[in-house]
PDB file of N, CA and C in Angstrom:
ATOM      1  N   MET A   1     -32.925   9.297 -42.256  1.00  0.00           N
ATOM      2  CA  MET A   1     -32.996   7.852 -42.100  1.00  0.00           C
ATOM      3  C   MET A   1     -31.648   7.322 -41.574  1.00  0.00           C
ATOM      4  N   MET A   2     -31.708   6.382 -40.648  1.00  0.00           N
ATOM      5  CA  MET A   2     -30.489   5.823 -40.068  1.00  0.00           C
ATOM      6  C   MET A   2     -29.932   4.723 -40.967  1.00  0.00           C
ATOM      7  N   LYS A   3     -28.616   4.609 -40.940  1.00  0.00           N
ATOM      8  CA  LYS A   3     -27.937   3.535 -41.653  1.00  0.00           C
ATOM      9  C   LYS A   3     -28.131   2.237 -40.869  1.00  0.00           C
ATOM     10  N   PRO A   4     -27.910   1.087 -41.507  1.00  0.00           N
ATOM     11  CA  PRO A   4     -27.973  -0.175 -40.754  1.00  0.00           C
ATOM     12  C   PRO A   4     -27.008  -0.136 -39.569  1.00  0.00           C
ATOM     13  N   PHE A   5     -27.442  -0.597 -38.455  1.00  0.00           N
ATOM     14  CA  PHE A   5     -26.673  -0.669 -37.218  1.00  0.00           C
ATOM     15  C   PHE A   5     -26.430   0.687 -36.578  1.00  0.00           C
ATOM     16  N   GLU A   6     -26.981   1.758 -37.132  1.00  0.00           N
ATOM     17  CA  GLU A   6     -26.835   3.065 -36.511  1.00  0.00           C
ATOM     18  C   GLU A   6     -27.810   3.136 -35.339  1.00  0.00           C
ATOM     19  N   ILE A   7     -27.362   3.711 -34.257  1.00  0.00           N
ATOM     20  CA  ILE A   7     -28.170   3.761 -33.038  1.00  0.00           C
ATOM     21  C   ILE A   7     -28.449   5.216 -32.698  1.00  0.00           C
ATOM     22  N   SER A   8     -29.686   5.498 -32.323  1.00  0.00           N
ATOM     23  CA  SER A   8     -30.066   6.870 -31.967  1.00  0.00           C
ATOM     24  C   SER A   8     -29.490   7.231 -30.597  1.00  0.00           C
ATOM     25  N   HIS A   9     -29.458   8.536 -30.322  1.00  0.00           N
ATOM     26  CA  HIS A   9     -28.962   9.004 -29.018  1.00  0.00           C
ATOM     27  C   HIS A   9     -29.800   8.447 -27.874  1.00  0.00           C
ATOM     28  N   GLN A  10     -31.096   8.332 -28.073  1.00  0.00           N
ATOM     29  CA  GLN A  10     -31.969   7.782 -27.035  1.00  0.00           C
ATOM     30  C   GLN A  10     -31.637   6.314 -26.772  1.00  0.00           C
ATOM     31  N   GLU A  11     -31.414   5.561 -27.843  1.00  0.00           N
ATOM     32  CA  GLU A  11     -31.065   4.145 -27.682  1.00  0.00           C
ATOM     33  C   GLU A  11     -29.736   3.986 -26.953  1.00  0.00           C
ATOM     34  N   ILE A  12     -28.792   4.879 -27.232  1.00  0.00           N
ATOM     35  CA  ILE A  12     -27.495   4.830 -26.546  1.00  0.00           C
ATOM     36  C   ILE A  12     -27.688   5.099 -25.059  1.00  0.00           C
ATOM     37  N   SER A  13     -28.474   6.115 -24.722  1.00  0.00           N
ATOM     38  CA  SER A  13     -28.650   6.445 -23.305  1.00  0.00           C
ATOM     39  C   SER A  13     -29.400   5.351 -22.550  1.00  0.00           C
ATOM     40  N   ASP A  14     -30.214   4.565 -23.255  1.00  0.00           N
ATOM     41  CA  ASP A  14     -30.950   3.472 -22.628  1.00  0.00           C
ATOM     42  C   ASP A  14     -30.165   2.161 -22.591  1.00  0.00           C
ATOM     43  N   MET A  15     -29.025   2.131 -23.223  1.00  0.00           N
ATOM     44  CA  MET A  15     -28.259   0.898 -23.397  1.00  0.00           C
ATOM     45  C   MET A  15     -27.549   0.492 -22.097  1.00  0.00           C
ATOM     46  N   SER A  16     -27.523  -0.785 -21.833  1.00  0.00           N
ATOM     47  CA  SER A  16     -26.781  -1.279 -20.674  1.00  0.00           C
ATOM     48  C   SER A  16     -25.285  -1.221 -20.981  1.00  0.00           C
ATOM     49  N   PRO A  17     -24.438  -1.215 -19.935  1.00  0.00           N
ATOM     50  CA  PRO A  17     -23.002  -1.228 -20.185  1.00  0.00           C
ATOM     51  C   PRO A  17     -22.558  -2.409 -21.042  1.00  0.00           C
ATOM     52  N   GLU A  18     -23.111  -3.580 -20.762  1.00  0.00           N
ATOM     53  CA  GLU A  18     -22.725  -4.764 -21.524  1.00  0.00           C
ATOM     54  C   GLU A  18     -23.146  -4.648 -22.985  1.00  0.00           C
ATOM     55  N   ALA A  19     -24.329  -4.140 -23.239  1.00  0.00           N
ATOM     56  CA  ALA A  19     -24.800  -3.988 -24.620  1.00  0.00           C
ATOM     57  C   ALA A  19     -23.938  -2.987 -25.377  1.00  0.00           C
ATOM     58  N   ALA A  20     -23.562  -1.896 -24.721  1.00  0.00           N
ATOM     59  CA  ALA A  20     -22.714  -0.889 -25.371  1.00  0.00           C
ATOM     60  C   ALA A  20     -21.327  -1.464 -25.676  1.00  0.00           C
ATOM     61  N   TYR A  21     -20.763  -2.190 -24.720  1.00  0.00           N
ATOM     62  CA  TYR A  21     -19.455  -2.822 -24.931  1.00  0.00           C
ATOM     63  C   TYR A  21     -19.512  -3.829 -26.076  1.00  0.00           C
ATOM     64  N   ARG A  22     -20.527  -4.681 -26.077  1.00  0.00           N
ATOM     65  CA  ARG A  22     -20.654  -5.693 -27.135  1.00  0.00           C
ATOM     66  C   ARG A  22     -20.908  -5.060 -28.504  1.00  0.00           C
ATOM     67  N   TYR A  23     -21.668  -3.966 -28.538  1.00  0.00           N
ATOM     68  CA  TYR A  23     -21.908  -3.265 -29.801  1.00  0.00           C
ATOM     69  C   TYR A  23     -20.589  -2.742 -30.368  1.00  0.00           C
ATOM     70  N   ALA A  24     -19.781  -2.121 -29.507  1.00  0.00           N
ATOM     71  CA  ALA A  24     -18.487  -1.606 -29.961  1.00  0.00           C
ATOM     72  C   ALA A  24     -17.576  -2.745 -30.409  1.00  0.00           C
ATOM     73  N   ARG A  25     -17.546  -3.819 -29.645  1.00  0.00           N
ATOM     74  CA  ARG A  25     -16.641  -4.936 -29.949  1.00  0.00           C
ATOM     75  C   ARG A  25     -17.103  -5.754 -31.151  1.00  0.00           C
ATOM     76  N   ASN A  26     -18.379  -6.070 -31.219  1.00  0.00           N
ATOM     77  CA  ASN A  26     -18.854  -7.019 -32.226  1.00  0.00           C
ATOM     78  C   ASN A  26     -19.441  -6.399 -33.490  1.00  0.00           C
ATOM     79  N   VAL A  27     -19.946  -5.178 -33.392  1.00  0.00           N
ATOM     80  CA  VAL A  27     -20.605  -4.576 -34.550  1.00  0.00           C
ATOM     81  C   VAL A  27     -19.704  -3.560 -35.236  1.00  0.00           C
ATOM     82  N   ILE A  28     -19.311  -2.505 -34.508  1.00  0.00           N
ATOM     83  CA  ILE A  28     -18.510  -1.486 -35.181  1.00  0.00           C
ATOM     84  C   ILE A  28     -17.010  -1.762 -35.118  1.00  0.00           C
ATOM     85  N   LYS A  29     -16.591  -2.605 -34.169  1.00  0.00           N
ATOM     86  CA  LYS A  29     -15.207  -3.093 -34.070  1.00  0.00           C
ATOM     87  C   LYS A  29     -14.167  -1.981 -33.962  1.00  0.00           C
ATOM     88  N   GLU A  30     -14.539  -0.946 -33.246  1.00  0.00           N
ATOM     89  CA  GLU A  30     -13.608   0.149 -32.981  1.00  0.00           C
ATOM     90  C   GLU A  30     -14.133   0.972 -31.816  1.00  0.00           C
ATOM     91  N   ARG A  31     -13.327   1.926 -31.391  1.00  0.00           N
ATOM     92  CA  ARG A  31     -13.727   2.779 -30.284  1.00  0.00           C
ATOM     93  C   ARG A  31     -15.016   3.510 -30.654  1.00  0.00           C
ATOM     94  N   TRP A  32     -15.923   3.570 -29.686  1.00  0.00           N
ATOM     95  CA  TRP A  32     -17.231   4.155 -29.903  1.00  0.00           C
ATOM     96  C   TRP A  32     -17.479   5.196 -28.827  1.00  0.00           C
ATOM     97  N   LYS A  33     -17.047   6.422 -29.098  1.00  0.00           N
ATOM     98  CA  LYS A  33     -17.111   7.508 -28.113  1.00  0.00           C
ATOM     99  C   LYS A  33     -18.530   7.729 -27.581  1.00  0.00           C
ATOM    100  N   GLU A  34     -19.531   7.603 -28.469  1.00  0.00           N
ATOM    101  CA  GLU A  34     -20.908   7.858 -28.054  1.00  0.00           C
ATOM    102  C   GLU A  34     -21.391   6.878 -26.994  1.00  0.00           C
ATOM    103  N   GLY A  35     -20.852   5.690 -26.969  1.00  0.00           N
ATOM    104  CA  GLY A  35     -21.290   4.674 -26.021  1.00  0.00           C
ATOM    105  C   GLY A  35     -20.421   4.537 -24.790  1.00  0.00           C
ATOM    106  N   GLU A  36     -19.345   5.305 -24.721  1.00  0.00           N
ATOM    107  CA  GLU A  36     -18.404   5.142 -23.608  1.00  0.00           C
ATOM    108  C   GLU A  36     -18.996   5.479 -22.254  1.00  0.00           C
ATOM    109  N   LEU A  37     -19.914   6.421 -22.199  1.00  0.00           N
ATOM    110  CA  LEU A  37     -20.543   6.750 -20.918  1.00  0.00           C
ATOM    111  C   LEU A  37     -21.291   5.544 -20.367  1.00  0.00           C
ATOM    112  N   ALA A  38     -21.972   4.824 -21.236  1.00  0.00           N
ATOM    113  CA  ALA A  38     -22.690   3.616 -20.807  1.00  0.00           C
ATOM    114  C   ALA A  38     -21.709   2.524 -20.390  1.00  0.00           C
ATOM    115  N   VAL A  39     -20.682   2.294 -21.184  1.00  0.00           N
ATOM    116  CA  VAL A  39     -19.695   1.244 -20.884  1.00  0.00           C
ATOM    117  C   VAL A  39     -19.024   1.512 -19.541  1.00  0.00           C
ATOM    118  N   ALA A  40     -18.697   2.757 -19.283  1.00  0.00           N
ATOM    119  CA  ALA A  40     -17.937   3.123 -18.080  1.00  0.00           C
ATOM    120  C   ALA A  40     -18.718   2.923 -16.784  1.00  0.00           C
ATOM    121  N   LYS A  41     -19.979   2.604 -16.852  1.00  0.00           N
ATOM    122  CA  LYS A  41     -20.779   2.395 -15.631  1.00  0.00           C
ATOM    123  C   LYS A  41     -20.541   1.035 -14.987  1.00  0.00           C
ATOM    124  N   ASP A  42     -19.936   0.114 -15.706  1.00  0.00           N
ATOM    125  CA  ASP A  42     -19.712  -1.234 -15.177  1.00  0.00           C
ATOM    126  C   ASP A  42     -18.224  -1.551 -15.243  1.00  0.00           C
ATOM    127  N   PRO A  43     -17.609  -1.943 -14.117  1.00  0.00           N
ATOM    128  CA  PRO A  43     -16.163  -2.168 -14.118  1.00  0.00           C
ATOM    129  C   PRO A  43     -15.699  -3.280 -15.051  1.00  0.00           C
ATOM    130  N   TYR A  44     -16.452  -4.358 -15.150  1.00  0.00           N
ATOM    131  CA  TYR A  44     -16.035  -5.450 -16.040  1.00  0.00           C
ATOM    132  C   TYR A  44     -16.109  -5.016 -17.501  1.00  0.00           C
ATOM    133  N   CYS A  45     -17.185  -4.344 -17.864  1.00  0.00           N
ATOM    134  CA  CYS A  45     -17.317  -3.875 -19.249  1.00  0.00           C
ATOM    135  C   CYS A  45     -16.266  -2.818 -19.568  1.00  0.00           C
ATOM    136  N   ALA A  46     -15.988  -1.941 -18.613  1.00  0.00           N
ATOM    137  CA  ALA A  46     -14.962  -0.918 -18.815  1.00  0.00           C
ATOM    138  C   ALA A  46     -13.586  -1.557 -19.001  1.00  0.00           C
ATOM    139  N   TYR A  47     -13.286  -2.555 -18.201  1.00  0.00           N
ATOM    140  CA  TYR A  47     -12.020  -3.280 -18.343  1.00  0.00           C
ATOM    141  C   TYR A  47     -11.940  -3.956 -19.711  1.00  0.00           C
ATOM    142  N   GLY A  48     -13.001  -4.638 -20.120  1.00  0.00           N
ATOM    143  CA  GLY A  48     -13.023  -5.298 -21.421  1.00  0.00           C
ATOM    144  C   GLY A  48     -12.899  -4.311 -22.565  1.00  0.00           C
ATOM    145  N   TYR A  49     -13.554  -3.174 -22.450  1.00  0.00           N
ATOM    146  CA  TYR A  49     -13.494  -2.144 -23.483  1.00  0.00           C
ATOM    147  C   TYR A  49     -12.061  -1.618 -23.619  1.00  0.00           C
ATOM    148  N   ALA A  50     -11.415  -1.365 -22.491  1.00  0.00           N
ATOM    149  CA  ALA A  50     -10.024  -0.895 -22.518  1.00  0.00           C
ATOM    150  C   ALA A  50      -9.119  -1.949 -23.154  1.00  0.00           C
ATOM    151  N   ARG A  51      -9.301  -3.192 -22.760  1.00  0.00           N
ATOM    152  CA  ARG A  51      -8.466  -4.293 -23.255  1.00  0.00           C
ATOM    153  C   ARG A  51      -8.728  -4.598 -24.731  1.00  0.00           C
ATOM    154  N   ASP A  52     -10.000  -4.705 -25.102  1.00  0.00           N
ATOM    155  CA  ASP A  52     -10.354  -5.197 -26.433  1.00  0.00           C
ATOM    156  C   ASP A  52     -10.529  -4.112 -27.490  1.00  0.00           C
ATOM    157  N   ILE A  53     -10.951  -2.936 -27.089  1.00  0.00           N
ATOM    158  CA  ILE A  53     -11.246  -1.876 -28.050  1.00  0.00           C
ATOM    159  C   ILE A  53     -10.146  -0.821 -28.054  1.00  0.00           C
ATOM    160  N   ILE A  54      -9.868  -0.243 -26.900  1.00  0.00           N
ATOM    161  CA  ILE A  54      -8.844   0.799 -26.819  1.00  0.00           C
ATOM    162  C   ILE A  54      -7.448   0.188 -26.923  1.00  0.00           C
ATOM    163  N   LYS A  55      -7.319  -1.015 -26.407  1.00  0.00           N
ATOM    164  CA  LYS A  55      -6.045  -1.739 -26.390  1.00  0.00           C
ATOM    165  C   LYS A  55      -4.978  -0.960 -25.608  1.00  0.00           C
ATOM    166  N   GLY A  56      -5.443  -0.420 -24.501  1.00  0.00           N
ATOM    167  CA  GLY A  56      -4.574   0.340 -23.619  1.00  0.00           C
ATOM    168  C   GLY A  56      -5.380   0.877 -22.455  1.00  0.00           C
ATOM    169  N   ARG A  57      -4.736   1.695 -21.637  1.00  0.00           N
ATOM    170  CA  ARG A  57      -5.411   2.248 -20.474  1.00  0.00           C
ATOM    171  C   ARG A  57      -6.558   3.162 -20.888  1.00  0.00           C
ATOM    172  N   TRP A  58      -7.598   3.138 -20.099  1.00  0.00           N
ATOM    173  CA  TRP A  58      -8.739   4.029 -20.291  1.00  0.00           C
ATOM    174  C   TRP A  58      -8.853   4.839 -19.006  1.00  0.00           C
ATOM    175  N   LEU A  59      -8.165   5.976 -18.981  1.00  0.00           N
ATOM    176  CA  LEU A  59      -8.055   6.776 -17.772  1.00  0.00           C
ATOM    177  C   LEU A  59      -9.411   7.198 -17.215  1.00  0.00           C
ATOM    178  N   LYS A  60     -10.332   7.524 -18.087  1.00  0.00           N
ATOM    179  CA  LYS A  60     -11.658   7.970 -17.655  1.00  0.00           C
ATOM    180  C   LYS A  60     -12.377   6.894 -16.833  1.00  0.00           C
ATOM    181  N   ALA A  61     -12.149   5.644 -17.138  1.00  0.00           N
ATOM    182  CA  ALA A  61     -12.857   4.552 -16.450  1.00  0.00           C
ATOM    183  C   ALA A  61     -12.064   3.948 -15.291  1.00  0.00           C
ATOM    184  N   GLU A  62     -10.833   4.352 -15.113  1.00  0.00           N
ATOM    185  CA  GLU A  62     -10.014   3.744 -14.061  1.00  0.00           C
ATOM    186  C   GLU A  62     -10.602   3.885 -12.656  1.00  0.00           C
ATOM    187  N   PRO A  63     -11.233   4.998 -12.306  1.00  0.00           N
ATOM    188  CA  PRO A  63     -11.802   5.066 -10.944  1.00  0.00           C
ATOM    189  C   PRO A  63     -12.819   3.961 -10.650  1.00  0.00           C
ATOM    190  N   ILE A  64     -13.671   3.638 -11.598  1.00  0.00           N
ATOM    191  CA  ILE A  64     -14.657   2.572 -11.347  1.00  0.00           C
ATOM    192  C   ILE A  64     -14.002   1.195 -11.406  1.00  0.00           C
ATOM    193  N   ILE A  65     -13.046   1.006 -12.286  1.00  0.00           N
ATOM    194  CA  ILE A  65     -12.357  -0.291 -12.365  1.00  0.00           C
ATOM    195  C   ILE A  65     -11.549  -0.529 -11.085  1.00  0.00           C
ATOM    196  N   ARG A  66     -10.936   0.527 -10.582  1.00  0.00           N
ATOM    197  CA  ARG A  66     -10.093   0.430  -9.378  1.00  0.00           C
ATOM    198  C   ARG A  66     -10.868  -0.094  -8.177  1.00  0.00           C
ATOM    199  N   LYS A  67     -12.154   0.181  -8.117  1.00  0.00           N
ATOM    200  CA  LYS A  67     -12.984  -0.229  -6.981  1.00  0.00           C
ATOM    201  C   LYS A  67     -13.512  -1.659  -7.132  1.00  0.00           C
ATOM    202  N   SER A  68     -13.061  -2.368  -8.150  1.00  0.00           N
ATOM    203  CA  SER A  68     -13.619  -3.694  -8.431  1.00  0.00           C
ATOM    204  C   SER A  68     -12.541  -4.777  -8.370  1.00  0.00           C
ATOM    205  N   VAL A  69     -13.005  -6.002  -8.476  1.00  0.00           N
ATOM    206  CA  VAL A  69     -12.079  -7.142  -8.513  1.00  0.00           C
ATOM    207  C   VAL A  69     -11.299  -7.191  -9.823  1.00  0.00           C
ATOM    208  N   TRP A  70     -11.683  -6.396 -10.805  1.00  0.00           N
ATOM    209  CA  TRP A  70     -11.017  -6.401 -12.113  1.00  0.00           C
ATOM    210  C   TRP A  70      -9.787  -5.507 -12.148  1.00  0.00           C
ATOM    211  N   TRP A  71      -9.507  -4.759 -11.091  1.00  0.00           N
ATOM    212  CA  TRP A  71      -8.386  -3.825 -11.087  1.00  0.00           C
ATOM    213  C   TRP A  71      -7.047  -4.537 -11.309  1.00  0.00           C
ATOM    214  N   PHE A  72      -6.830  -5.636 -10.639  1.00  0.00           N
ATOM    215  CA  PHE A  72      -5.562  -6.360 -10.794  1.00  0.00           C
ATOM    216  C   PHE A  72      -5.376  -6.809 -12.242  1.00  0.00           C
ATOM    217  N   ASP A  73      -6.411  -7.405 -12.830  1.00  0.00           N
ATOM    218  CA  ASP A  73      -6.310  -7.844 -14.229  1.00  0.00           C
ATOM    219  C   ASP A  73      -6.080  -6.667 -15.163  1.00  0.00           C
ATOM    220  N   TYR A  74      -6.769  -5.580 -14.927  1.00  0.00           N
ATOM    221  CA  TYR A  74      -6.609  -4.371 -15.733  1.00  0.00           C
ATOM    222  C   TYR A  74      -5.161  -3.916 -15.696  1.00  0.00           C
ATOM    223  N   LYS A  75      -4.595  -3.811 -14.491  1.00  0.00           N
ATOM    224  CA  LYS A  75      -3.209  -3.359 -14.354  1.00  0.00           C
ATOM    225  C   LYS A  75      -2.237  -4.315 -15.039  1.00  0.00           C
ATOM    226  N   GLU A  76      -2.456  -5.605 -14.907  1.00  0.00           N
ATOM    227  CA  GLU A  76      -1.560  -6.593 -15.516  1.00  0.00           C
ATOM    228  C   GLU A  76      -1.682  -6.616 -17.042  1.00  0.00           C
ATOM    229  N   ASP A  77      -2.886  -6.559 -17.546  1.00  0.00           N
ATOM    230  CA  ASP A  77      -3.109  -6.651 -18.985  1.00  0.00           C
ATOM    231  C   ASP A  77      -2.743  -5.367 -19.731  1.00  0.00           C
ATOM    232  N   LEU A  78      -2.837  -4.241 -19.060  1.00  0.00           N
ATOM    233  CA  LEU A  78      -2.663  -2.953 -19.743  1.00  0.00           C
ATOM    234  C   LEU A  78      -1.515  -2.145 -19.175  1.00  0.00           C
ATOM    235  N   LYS A  79      -0.418  -2.812 -18.929  1.00  0.00           N
ATOM    236  CA  LYS A  79       0.766  -2.112 -18.422  1.00  0.00           C
ATOM    237  C   LYS A  79       1.238  -1.084 -19.456  1.00  0.00           C
ATOM    238  N   ASP A  80       1.757   0.019 -18.935  1.00  0.00           N
ATOM    239  CA  ASP A  80       2.307   1.052 -19.837  1.00  0.00           C
ATOM    240  C   ASP A  80       3.559   0.569 -20.521  1.00  0.00           C
TER     241      ASP A  80
END
């Protein structure tokens, strides 16, 4: 039996990037490795996840963020 707010692997794979990002930010309030593949599919969600959850650079998602209008904000907000 799943705990409250626990999500199955199938639900994670079906989740939109925004839903995965919001789940990590608003429900579990910490890094959520299982949902990162979904989050990384959208540059805005990946940028928000790095800023709000990781609170630093997210190297795995940088290639997709770099190709978007969010790259400048990402670089400014998450300087080393």
